[in-house]
Structures are given as structure tokens and as C-alpha cells.
Amino acid sequence: MDVHIQEKPRISFLEVKGDLSTGDLANAIKITRADKDAWVTFYPTRDQQTTCRSCGENGLNGDLLITYDVERQNPQGEVVVSNGYFVHYFAPSDVSRIPKNVVFIIDRSGSMHGKKIDQTRLALLRILSDLDEDDHFGLITFDSEVSLWKRELLKATETNLENAKSFVKEIRDRGATDINAAVLAGVDMISRHPREGTASILILSIDDHSNNSKTSNYDF
């Protein structure tokens, strides 16, 4: 495996973690850094692939997590333009945290079959773990029909989050796609739960009907 990271600002931090970075497998990882570039290679030997702690009978089994950050000298962030599209990256450090009202809208249509639905479940489990207790959240799944996990937003308590994660693990692909009805249901859920001094967000995970699933954010 070869990973090349290239950023406009200088890379300030890089770390490799995960099941596949432990034990003898750590010797298979090589990190090379320049000012605005970084390279991570992972070339385990045949023996390392079969004897590591997280390996199974068929070889490697685990995660390799590469985490990095950049120097944020420009408070307005960075704009990246490619093929007629642009992405604005910004992460202000001097802004106080605002409690969130967030609704996750998850595509469970047949086109999400296989790796796409698996990745969606993993992403949701990670995002749910990042919620704070003063946040409120809801879950909506949709194909040709729209289903609400709970009719109201719930506070992100430990119990509610564990129940939500159990629900997410059971999401399966099926049916056609009705994105519009799902988004309207999410807007309605947030509208019925106004809280002063909070940010309201829809996170929409959908299939683009090509080779990848997409996640989009809608802020109110």
C-alpha cells in the first residue's frame, strides 16, 4: 500500500495507528515527510501477513489509520478547485463550540449494497461517538419509503447513543430511492425541536449511482 498526502499548507502532524500498525507489522510501515507532502508505505512480508495479532487464516485483517493535520495560518481556510468543482476547507480555532441538533439521513436503497452500506455503517458509528451530551440527534433511513428511528430528536446521552449504534449496525440495503421525502422528514424533525444558541445540521449519506457513496452536510 502506498499513500501520498499533498496539501497547500505545511503538514504539521502525521501519525499511523490501527491494528495493522502493531507488533511486527510496525516494521512494515515507512513514513517519509517533506514540507507539504508525506508518504506512507506499508509492505508486510509474507510471514508478517500471517502471524500478526489481528491476522486470520486468510492473512491481514484490521485497520490502518493515517491521521494528519496542517498548519492553519490563514483563518479563512483553503479553497481547492478541480475539474469545475471546489471544496472550501476551514477549521477555525478561536470559535467556541455550539451544541448541535443533527439528523442523519441514510440511504438504504439497493444501490448501497455491499461495501457502500458497510462503509456507511462504520462512518455513522464513528460520528455518533463524537457527539457531546449537549447535542441532540435523530436517525432517518430511506429507500422508496422513509423510516424514522425515533420521531423526536434525542439527547446524546450514553444510553441513547448505544441504542442508536445498535440500530445502525442493523441497517440493510433494499428497495428504490426517495431522497426528497427523506430530506423533508429531516427538516421537519429539526423544525419541531428548536433550541436557541444551537446549530441545526442534516447529514445526508447517499449513493451517487456510480462507484462511491457520498456524504453531504446541510446547515440551517
Protein backbone atom coordinates (compact mmCIF):
# COMPACT_ATOMS: atom_id res chain seq x y z
CA MET A 1 0.00 0.00 0.00
CA ASP A 2 1.25 3.45 -0.96
CA VAL A 3 -0.32 6.66 0.39
CA HIS A 4 0.70 10.11 -0.83
CA ILE A 5 -0.62 13.16 1.06
CA GLN A 6 -0.23 16.58 -0.55
CA GLU A 7 -1.50 19.83 0.99
CA LYS A 8 -1.14 23.54 0.22
CA PRO A 9 -0.25 24.45 3.83
CA ARG A 10 2.60 22.73 5.65
CA ILE A 11 1.83 19.34 7.20
CA SER A 12 2.25 19.79 10.96
CA PHE A 13 1.36 16.33 12.29
CA LEU A 14 1.18 12.76 10.97
CA GLU A 15 0.52 9.54 12.82
CA VAL A 16 -0.16 5.94 11.76
CA LYS A 17 -2.27 3.79 14.08
CA GLY A 18 -4.65 0.85 13.93
CA ASP A 19 -4.49 -2.95 14.22
CA LEU A 20 -2.09 -3.22 11.28
CA SER A 21 0.47 -0.91 12.89
CA THR A 22 1.13 -3.06 15.96
CA GLY A 23 3.68 -5.77 16.69
CA ASP A 24 5.90 -6.92 13.83
CA LEU A 25 3.70 -5.08 11.33
CA ALA A 26 5.05 -1.76 12.63
CA ASN A 27 8.31 -2.63 10.86
CA ALA A 28 6.43 -2.82 7.54
CA ILE A 29 5.42 0.86 7.76
CA LYS A 30 7.67 3.60 6.39
CA ILE A 31 6.85 7.31 6.76
CA THR A 32 8.57 9.99 4.67
CA ARG A 33 7.75 13.68 5.15
CA ALA A 34 8.57 16.83 3.25
CA ASP A 35 7.23 20.35 3.77
CA LYS A 36 3.82 19.94 2.12
CA ASP A 37 3.97 16.25 1.20
CA ALA A 38 4.03 13.00 3.11
CA TRP A 39 4.32 9.38 2.00
CA VAL A 40 3.25 6.30 3.95
CA THR A 41 4.11 2.84 2.60
CA PHE A 42 3.00 -0.49 4.00
CA TYR A 43 4.79 -3.59 2.67
CA PRO A 44 4.47 -6.50 5.11
CA THR A 45 6.35 -9.71 4.39
CA ARG A 46 4.50 -12.98 3.84
CA ASP A 47 5.36 -14.06 7.40
CA GLN A 48 4.13 -10.77 8.86
CA GLN A 49 0.84 -11.13 6.98
CA THR A 50 0.07 -14.49 8.57
CA THR A 51 1.45 -14.16 12.10
CA CYS A 52 0.28 -10.72 13.24
CA ARG A 53 -2.06 -10.39 16.20
CA SER A 54 -5.07 -9.31 14.11
CA CYS A 55 -4.46 -11.69 11.19
CA GLY A 56 -6.72 -14.59 10.30
CA GLU A 57 -6.25 -17.72 8.23
CA ASN A 58 -6.53 -15.69 5.02
CA GLY A 59 -3.94 -13.10 6.03
CA LEU A 60 -4.26 -9.47 7.10
CA ASN A 61 -7.37 -8.43 8.98
CA GLY A 62 -7.56 -4.99 10.55
CA ASP A 63 -7.36 -1.23 10.08
CA LEU A 64 -4.51 1.10 9.21
CA LEU A 65 -5.46 4.62 10.29
CA ILE A 66 -3.45 7.57 8.99
CA THR A 67 -4.13 10.85 10.82
CA TYR A 68 -2.58 14.17 9.90
CA ASP A 69 -3.07 17.90 10.33
CA VAL A 70 -1.80 21.07 8.67
CA GLU A 71 -0.69 24.49 9.84
CA ARG A 72 -3.67 26.84 9.71
CA GLN A 73 -2.02 30.20 9.07
CA ASN A 74 -4.98 31.51 7.06
CA PRO A 75 -8.10 31.83 9.30
CA GLN A 76 -10.26 31.86 6.16
CA GLY A 77 -9.12 28.35 5.26
CA GLU A 78 -8.10 26.95 1.90
CA VAL A 79 -10.07 26.61 -1.35
CA VAL A 80 -9.23 23.68 -3.64
CA VAL A 81 -10.52 23.78 -7.24
CA SER A 82 -10.55 20.75 -9.55
CA ASN A 83 -12.49 19.85 -12.71
CA GLY A 84 -15.05 22.61 -12.26
CA TYR A 85 -15.72 21.82 -8.56
CA PHE A 86 -14.36 23.39 -5.42
CA VAL A 87 -14.03 22.48 -1.75
CA HIS A 88 -13.53 25.05 1.00
CA TYR A 89 -11.58 23.62 3.94
CA PHE A 90 -11.62 25.58 7.17
CA ALA A 91 -11.28 24.73 10.84
CA PRO A 92 -11.34 27.91 12.97
CA SER A 93 -9.58 27.53 16.30
CA ASP A 94 -10.94 30.63 18.06
CA VAL A 95 -14.66 29.79 17.88
CA SER A 96 -16.48 28.42 20.90
CA ARG A 97 -18.29 25.12 20.46
CA ILE A 98 -22.04 25.30 19.70
CA PRO A 99 -24.41 22.47 20.69
CA LYS A 100 -25.84 20.71 17.64
CA ASN A 101 -29.22 19.42 16.51
CA VAL A 102 -28.22 16.87 13.91
CA VAL A 103 -30.25 14.43 11.84
CA PHE A 104 -28.53 11.62 9.95
CA ILE A 105 -30.34 10.62 6.74
CA ILE A 106 -29.09 7.26 5.48
CA ASP A 107 -29.68 5.80 2.03
CA ARG A 108 -30.55 2.10 2.34
CA SER A 109 -31.62 1.59 -1.29
CA GLY A 110 -30.46 -1.41 -3.29
CA SER A 111 -27.62 0.54 -4.92
CA MET A 112 -25.96 0.76 -1.47
CA HIS A 113 -25.40 -3.00 -1.47
CA GLY A 114 -22.08 -4.40 -0.27
CA LYS A 115 -19.12 -2.17 0.58
CA LYS A 116 -21.11 1.07 0.39
CA ILE A 117 -23.55 0.17 3.16
CA ASP A 118 -20.70 -1.33 5.23
CA GLN A 119 -18.71 1.92 5.00
CA THR A 120 -21.80 3.97 5.79
CA ARG A 121 -22.42 1.99 8.98
CA LEU A 122 -18.79 2.41 10.07
CA ALA A 123 -18.87 6.16 9.40
CA LEU A 124 -22.10 6.60 11.36
CA LEU A 125 -20.76 4.68 14.33
CA ARG A 126 -17.69 6.94 14.40
CA ILE A 127 -19.72 10.16 14.07
CA LEU A 128 -22.12 9.10 16.82
CA SER A 129 -19.15 8.54 19.12
CA ASP A 130 -18.05 12.14 18.52
CA LEU A 131 -21.34 13.70 19.68
CA ASP A 132 -21.36 15.52 23.02
CA GLU A 133 -24.07 15.14 25.64
CA ASP A 134 -25.47 18.61 24.96
CA ASP A 135 -26.09 17.61 21.33
CA HIS A 136 -29.43 16.19 20.12
CA PHE A 137 -29.70 13.79 17.20
CA GLY A 138 -32.05 11.74 15.05
CA LEU A 139 -31.74 8.91 12.52
CA ILE A 140 -33.71 8.52 9.30
CA THR A 141 -33.30 5.67 6.81
CA PHE A 142 -34.85 5.69 3.36
CA ASP A 143 -35.29 3.76 0.15
CA SER A 144 -38.67 4.07 -1.58
CA GLU A 145 -40.02 4.54 1.96
CA VAL A 146 -38.83 6.76 4.80
CA SER A 147 -38.36 5.33 8.31
CA LEU A 148 -37.64 7.29 11.49
CA TRP A 149 -35.65 5.59 14.25
CA LYS A 150 -37.38 7.91 16.75
CA ARG A 151 -39.93 10.59 15.95
CA GLU A 152 -38.16 13.21 18.08
CA LEU A 153 -34.56 14.30 18.46
CA LEU A 154 -32.89 12.62 21.43
CA LYS A 155 -30.22 13.97 23.73
CA ALA A 156 -26.83 12.36 23.03
CA THR A 157 -26.61 10.50 26.33
CA GLU A 158 -24.54 7.34 26.60
CA THR A 159 -27.66 5.17 26.64
CA ASN A 160 -29.26 6.86 23.62
CA LEU A 161 -26.03 6.65 21.65
CA GLU A 162 -25.59 2.95 22.40
CA ASN A 163 -29.17 2.28 21.30
CA ALA A 164 -28.57 4.29 18.13
CA LYS A 165 -25.40 2.34 17.35
CA SER A 166 -27.31 -0.93 17.73
CA PHE A 167 -29.85 0.40 15.23
CA VAL A 168 -27.14 1.49 12.79
CA LYS A 169 -25.50 -1.95 12.86
CA GLU A 170 -28.77 -3.47 11.62
CA ILE A 171 -29.27 -1.15 8.63
CA ARG A 172 -29.56 -3.22 5.44
CA ASP A 173 -29.88 -2.22 1.80
CA ARG A 174 -33.16 -2.70 -0.07
CA GLY A 175 -35.65 -1.01 -2.41
CA ALA A 176 -35.57 2.13 -4.56
CA THR A 177 -34.66 5.72 -3.61
CA ASP A 178 -36.77 8.71 -2.45
CA ILE A 179 -34.24 11.34 -1.37
CA ASN A 180 -36.70 14.24 -1.38
CA ALA A 181 -39.09 12.67 1.13
CA ALA A 182 -36.20 11.73 3.42
CA VAL A 183 -34.73 15.25 3.43
CA LEU A 184 -38.16 16.79 4.09
CA ALA A 185 -38.62 14.40 7.02
CA GLY A 186 -35.25 15.51 8.42
CA VAL A 187 -36.12 19.19 8.05
CA ASP A 188 -39.44 18.58 9.79
CA MET A 189 -37.75 16.76 12.67
CA ILE A 190 -35.30 19.62 13.25
CA SER A 191 -38.04 22.26 12.87
CA ARG A 192 -40.04 20.61 15.65
CA HIS A 193 -37.07 20.80 18.02
CA PRO A 194 -35.95 24.47 18.14
CA ARG A 195 -33.18 25.29 20.62
CA GLU A 196 -31.75 28.77 20.95
CA GLY A 197 -27.99 29.03 20.57
CA THR A 198 -27.62 25.74 18.68
CA ALA A 199 -26.61 24.73 15.14
CA SER A 200 -29.02 22.56 13.13
CA ILE A 201 -27.45 20.14 10.65
CA LEU A 202 -28.63 17.46 8.24
CA ILE A 203 -26.03 14.84 7.32
CA LEU A 204 -27.19 13.04 4.18
CA SER A 205 -25.45 9.80 3.20
CA ILE A 206 -26.49 8.77 -0.32
CA ASP A 207 -25.30 6.71 -3.24
CA ASP A 208 -24.30 8.64 -6.35
CA HIS A 209 -25.20 5.63 -8.52
CA SER A 210 -21.65 5.27 -9.78
CA ASN A 211 -18.92 3.61 -7.73
CA ASN A 212 -18.91 5.52 -4.46
CA SER A 213 -21.26 6.58 -1.74
CA LYS A 214 -21.37 10.25 -0.72
CA THR A 215 -22.00 12.15 2.48
CA SER A 216 -23.32 15.72 2.34
CA ASN A 217 -23.98 18.27 5.07
CA TYR A 218 -26.86 20.76 5.14
CA ASP A 219 -26.64 23.52 7.77
CA PHE A 220 -29.63 25.66 8.80
